[in-house]
């Protein structure tokens, strides 16, 4: 897949935003993610195709949520597509 094809993919912006929150200290949300140790697994960080394969298509009205461990990484087994209501229940104290 070409870079242009990637940028048109509906999950590309999500992938880029997660990486920025976890690894870019200049990102406004970094202190809530990378700054407190929330990372993205290496397979996803380095390979958009693997990320897409593992998270699947985004259902309408959902966003990517770290669950069941809100303090854990963005990684297989710890993410889901969640509704706003589900996201609200998964906030850290």
N, C-alpha and C. Protein backbone atom coordinates (compact mmCIF):
# COMPACT_ATOMS: atom_id res chain seq x y z
N UNK A 1 0.85 -1.18 0.00
CA UNK A 1 0.00 0.00 0.00
C UNK A 1 0.90 1.24 0.00
N UNK A 2 0.55 2.21 -0.84
CA UNK A 2 1.34 3.43 -0.90
C UNK A 2 1.00 4.35 0.28
N UNK A 3 1.86 5.32 0.55
CA UNK A 3 1.62 6.26 1.64
C UNK A 3 0.31 7.01 1.40
N UNK A 4 0.02 7.34 0.15
CA UNK A 4 -1.22 8.04 -0.16
C UNK A 4 -2.43 7.17 0.19
N UNK A 5 -2.33 5.86 -0.09
CA UNK A 5 -3.42 4.95 0.26
C UNK A 5 -3.59 4.89 1.77
N UNK A 6 -2.48 4.85 2.50
CA UNK A 6 -2.56 4.82 3.96
C UNK A 6 -3.29 6.06 4.48
N UNK A 7 -2.90 7.22 3.99
CA UNK A 7 -3.48 8.46 4.53
C UNK A 7 -4.98 8.57 4.25
N UNK A 8 -5.47 7.84 3.26
CA UNK A 8 -6.90 7.84 2.95
C UNK A 8 -7.67 6.81 3.77
N UNK A 9 -6.97 5.91 4.42
CA UNK A 9 -7.63 4.86 5.20
C UNK A 9 -8.33 5.48 6.41
N UNK A 10 -9.55 5.05 6.73
CA UNK A 10 -10.28 5.66 7.84
C UNK A 10 -9.61 5.52 9.21
N UNK A 11 -8.72 4.56 9.39
CA UNK A 11 -8.06 4.38 10.68
C UNK A 11 -6.69 5.05 10.76
N UNK A 12 -6.21 5.59 9.66
CA UNK A 12 -4.85 6.16 9.65
C UNK A 12 -4.71 7.31 10.64
N UNK A 13 -5.67 8.21 10.68
CA UNK A 13 -5.60 9.34 11.61
C UNK A 13 -5.62 8.89 13.06
N UNK A 14 -6.41 7.86 13.35
CA UNK A 14 -6.47 7.31 14.70
C UNK A 14 -5.10 6.74 15.08
N UNK A 15 -4.52 5.97 14.20
CA UNK A 15 -3.19 5.39 14.43
C UNK A 15 -2.15 6.48 14.67
N UNK A 16 -2.17 7.50 13.84
CA UNK A 16 -1.22 8.61 14.00
C UNK A 16 -1.43 9.33 15.33
N UNK A 17 -2.69 9.56 15.71
CA UNK A 17 -2.98 10.26 16.96
C UNK A 17 -2.55 9.46 18.18
N UNK A 18 -2.78 8.16 18.16
CA UNK A 18 -2.33 7.33 19.29
C UNK A 18 -0.82 7.39 19.40
N UNK A 19 -0.14 7.24 18.29
CA UNK A 19 1.33 7.30 18.33
C UNK A 19 1.81 8.65 18.86
N UNK A 20 1.19 9.73 18.43
CA UNK A 20 1.60 11.06 18.89
C UNK A 20 1.35 11.24 20.38
N UNK A 21 0.20 10.79 20.88
CA UNK A 21 -0.09 10.90 22.32
C UNK A 21 0.92 10.12 23.15
N UNK A 22 1.36 8.99 22.61
CA UNK A 22 2.27 8.12 23.36
C UNK A 22 3.74 8.50 23.24
N UNK A 23 4.16 9.10 22.13
CA UNK A 23 5.59 9.27 21.87
C UNK A 23 6.06 10.69 21.56
N UNK A 24 5.16 11.62 21.38
CA UNK A 24 5.57 12.98 21.03
C UNK A 24 5.34 13.93 22.21
N UNK A 25 6.41 14.30 22.92
CA UNK A 25 6.24 15.20 24.07
C UNK A 25 5.61 16.54 23.72
N UNK A 26 5.60 16.93 22.45
CA UNK A 26 4.98 18.19 22.04
C UNK A 26 3.47 18.04 21.82
N UNK A 27 2.95 16.82 21.84
CA UNK A 27 1.52 16.60 21.68
C UNK A 27 0.81 17.06 22.95
N UNK A 28 -0.28 17.82 22.82
CA UNK A 28 -0.98 18.33 24.01
C UNK A 28 -1.46 17.24 24.98
N UNK A 29 -1.71 16.04 24.50
CA UNK A 29 -2.20 14.96 25.36
C UNK A 29 -1.08 14.06 25.87
N UNK A 30 0.15 14.34 25.49
CA UNK A 30 1.27 13.47 25.87
C UNK A 30 1.34 13.21 27.38
N UNK A 31 1.14 14.23 28.19
CA UNK A 31 1.28 14.05 29.65
C UNK A 31 0.28 13.04 30.20
N UNK A 32 -0.85 12.85 29.51
CA UNK A 32 -1.86 11.90 29.95
C UNK A 32 -1.63 10.49 29.40
N UNK A 33 -0.71 10.35 28.46
CA UNK A 33 -0.45 9.06 27.82
C UNK A 33 1.03 8.71 27.96
N UNK A 34 1.83 9.06 26.99
CA UNK A 34 3.25 8.72 27.06
C UNK A 34 3.93 9.24 28.30
N UNK A 35 3.52 10.40 28.77
CA UNK A 35 4.12 10.99 29.96
C UNK A 35 3.85 10.21 31.23
N UNK A 36 2.82 9.38 31.21
CA UNK A 36 2.56 8.54 32.38
C UNK A 36 2.77 7.06 32.07
N UNK A 37 3.47 6.79 30.96
CA UNK A 37 3.87 5.43 30.66
C UNK A 37 2.96 4.63 29.75
N UNK A 38 1.93 5.27 29.18
CA UNK A 38 1.05 4.57 28.24
C UNK A 38 1.75 4.53 26.89
N UNK A 39 1.99 3.33 26.38
CA UNK A 39 2.68 3.16 25.11
C UNK A 39 1.81 2.36 24.15
N UNK A 40 2.29 2.23 22.93
CA UNK A 40 1.66 1.41 21.91
C UNK A 40 2.59 0.24 21.66
N UNK A 41 2.03 -0.97 21.55
CA UNK A 41 2.91 -2.12 21.31
C UNK A 41 3.74 -1.89 20.05
N UNK A 42 4.93 -2.45 20.04
CA UNK A 42 5.88 -2.22 18.93
C UNK A 42 5.31 -2.63 17.59
N UNK A 43 4.55 -3.72 17.56
CA UNK A 43 3.99 -4.18 16.29
C UNK A 43 3.07 -3.13 15.68
N UNK A 44 2.24 -2.52 16.52
CA UNK A 44 1.32 -1.49 16.01
C UNK A 44 2.06 -0.20 15.72
N UNK A 45 2.97 0.16 16.57
CA UNK A 45 3.70 1.42 16.38
C UNK A 45 4.45 1.43 15.06
N UNK A 46 4.98 0.29 14.68
CA UNK A 46 5.83 0.21 13.50
C UNK A 46 5.13 -0.27 12.24
N UNK A 47 3.86 -0.70 12.34
CA UNK A 47 3.20 -1.29 11.16
C UNK A 47 1.70 -0.99 11.17
N UNK A 48 1.31 -0.03 10.39
CA UNK A 48 -0.10 0.36 10.30
C UNK A 48 -0.98 -0.82 9.90
N UNK A 49 -0.51 -1.65 8.97
CA UNK A 49 -1.31 -2.80 8.53
C UNK A 49 -1.62 -3.75 9.68
N UNK A 50 -0.66 -3.97 10.56
CA UNK A 50 -0.88 -4.85 11.70
C UNK A 50 -1.90 -4.23 12.65
N UNK A 51 -1.80 -2.92 12.86
CA UNK A 51 -2.77 -2.21 13.68
C UNK A 51 -4.18 -2.42 13.13
N UNK A 52 -4.36 -2.21 11.85
CA UNK A 52 -5.67 -2.35 11.21
C UNK A 52 -6.16 -3.79 11.33
N UNK A 53 -5.30 -4.73 11.09
CA UNK A 53 -5.68 -6.15 11.20
C UNK A 53 -6.18 -6.47 12.61
N UNK A 54 -5.49 -5.95 13.61
CA UNK A 54 -5.82 -6.30 14.99
C UNK A 54 -7.03 -5.56 15.56
N UNK A 55 -7.21 -4.29 15.21
CA UNK A 55 -8.34 -3.53 15.79
C UNK A 55 -9.61 -3.68 14.98
N UNK A 56 -9.51 -4.03 13.72
CA UNK A 56 -10.70 -4.19 12.88
C UNK A 56 -11.31 -2.86 12.50
N UNK A 57 -12.38 -2.95 11.76
CA UNK A 57 -13.07 -1.74 11.30
C UNK A 57 -13.73 -1.03 12.47
N UNK A 58 -13.78 0.27 12.38
CA UNK A 58 -14.39 1.10 13.42
C UNK A 58 -15.89 1.16 13.22
N UNK A 59 -16.66 0.65 14.18
CA UNK A 59 -18.11 0.80 14.09
C UNK A 59 -18.51 2.28 14.27
N UNK A 60 -19.56 2.67 13.62
CA UNK A 60 -20.04 4.06 13.73
C UNK A 60 -20.29 4.42 15.19
N UNK A 61 -19.92 5.63 15.56
CA UNK A 61 -20.19 6.13 16.90
C UNK A 61 -19.25 5.62 17.98
N UNK A 62 -18.10 5.08 17.59
CA UNK A 62 -17.16 4.56 18.58
C UNK A 62 -15.79 5.22 18.45
N UNK A 63 -14.98 5.05 19.48
CA UNK A 63 -13.59 5.48 19.46
C UNK A 63 -12.75 4.40 20.13
N UNK A 64 -11.45 4.44 19.91
CA UNK A 64 -10.55 3.43 20.45
C UNK A 64 -10.36 3.65 21.94
N UNK A 65 -10.53 2.60 22.71
CA UNK A 65 -10.49 2.65 24.17
C UNK A 65 -9.52 1.58 24.67
N UNK A 66 -8.71 1.94 25.66
CA UNK A 66 -7.86 0.94 26.31
C UNK A 66 -8.71 0.24 27.36
N UNK A 67 -8.97 -1.02 27.13
CA UNK A 67 -9.83 -1.79 28.01
C UNK A 67 -9.49 -3.26 27.88
N UNK A 68 -9.36 -4.00 28.93
CA UNK A 68 -9.86 -3.78 30.27
C UNK A 68 -8.93 -3.00 31.20
N UNK A 69 -7.69 -2.73 30.78
CA UNK A 69 -6.74 -2.04 31.65
C UNK A 69 -6.50 -0.62 31.15
N UNK A 70 -7.18 0.36 31.73
CA UNK A 70 -7.05 1.74 31.31
C UNK A 70 -5.64 2.28 31.53
N UNK A 71 -4.86 1.64 32.39
CA UNK A 71 -3.47 2.05 32.61
C UNK A 71 -2.50 1.25 31.75
N UNK A 72 -3.02 0.34 30.94
CA UNK A 72 -2.19 -0.51 30.10
C UNK A 72 -1.93 0.11 28.74
N UNK A 73 -1.19 -0.61 27.92
CA UNK A 73 -0.80 -0.10 26.60
C UNK A 73 -1.91 -0.22 25.55
N UNK A 74 -1.69 0.45 24.45
CA UNK A 74 -2.48 0.19 23.25
C UNK A 74 -1.86 -1.06 22.66
N UNK A 75 -2.53 -2.19 22.80
CA UNK A 75 -1.98 -3.47 22.38
C UNK A 75 -3.12 -4.47 22.20
N UNK A 76 -2.88 -5.54 21.44
CA UNK A 76 -3.91 -6.57 21.31
C UNK A 76 -4.36 -7.05 22.69
N UNK A 77 -5.64 -7.24 22.84
CA UNK A 77 -6.18 -7.69 24.11
C UNK A 77 -6.46 -6.58 25.10
N UNK A 78 -6.06 -5.35 24.77
CA UNK A 78 -6.30 -4.24 25.69
C UNK A 78 -6.92 -3.02 24.99
N UNK A 79 -7.58 -3.25 23.87
CA UNK A 79 -8.30 -2.17 23.20
C UNK A 79 -9.64 -2.68 22.71
N UNK A 80 -10.55 -1.76 22.54
CA UNK A 80 -11.86 -2.06 21.97
C UNK A 80 -12.38 -0.80 21.32
N UNK A 81 -13.36 -0.97 20.43
CA UNK A 81 -14.10 0.15 19.90
C UNK A 81 -15.24 0.40 20.87
N UNK A 82 -15.25 1.55 21.52
CA UNK A 82 -16.21 1.83 22.59
C UNK A 82 -17.08 3.02 22.26
N UNK A 83 -18.30 2.96 22.77
CA UNK A 83 -19.21 4.09 22.66
C UNK A 83 -18.80 5.15 23.69
N UNK A 84 -19.36 6.34 23.58
CA UNK A 84 -19.08 7.40 24.56
C UNK A 84 -19.43 6.93 25.97
N UNK A 85 -20.54 6.24 26.10
CA UNK A 85 -20.98 5.77 27.41
C UNK A 85 -19.95 4.78 27.99
N UNK A 86 -19.46 3.87 27.16
CA UNK A 86 -18.44 2.92 27.62
C UNK A 86 -17.16 3.66 28.00
N UNK A 87 -16.79 4.65 27.20
CA UNK A 87 -15.58 5.42 27.48
C UNK A 87 -15.71 6.12 28.84
N UNK A 88 -16.86 6.68 29.12
CA UNK A 88 -17.06 7.38 30.38
C UNK A 88 -16.92 6.46 31.58
N UNK A 89 -17.29 5.20 31.43
CA UNK A 89 -17.17 4.23 32.52
C UNK A 89 -15.73 3.77 32.71
N UNK A 90 -14.89 4.03 31.75
CA UNK A 90 -13.52 3.53 31.78
C UNK A 90 -12.52 4.64 32.10
N UNK A 91 -12.94 5.69 32.74
CA UNK A 91 -12.02 6.78 33.10
C UNK A 91 -11.19 6.39 34.32
N UNK A 92 -9.97 6.90 34.38
CA UNK A 92 -9.15 6.65 35.57
C UNK A 92 -9.52 7.67 36.63
N UNK A 93 -9.30 7.29 37.86
CA UNK A 93 -9.59 8.20 38.99
C UNK A 93 -8.44 9.14 39.25
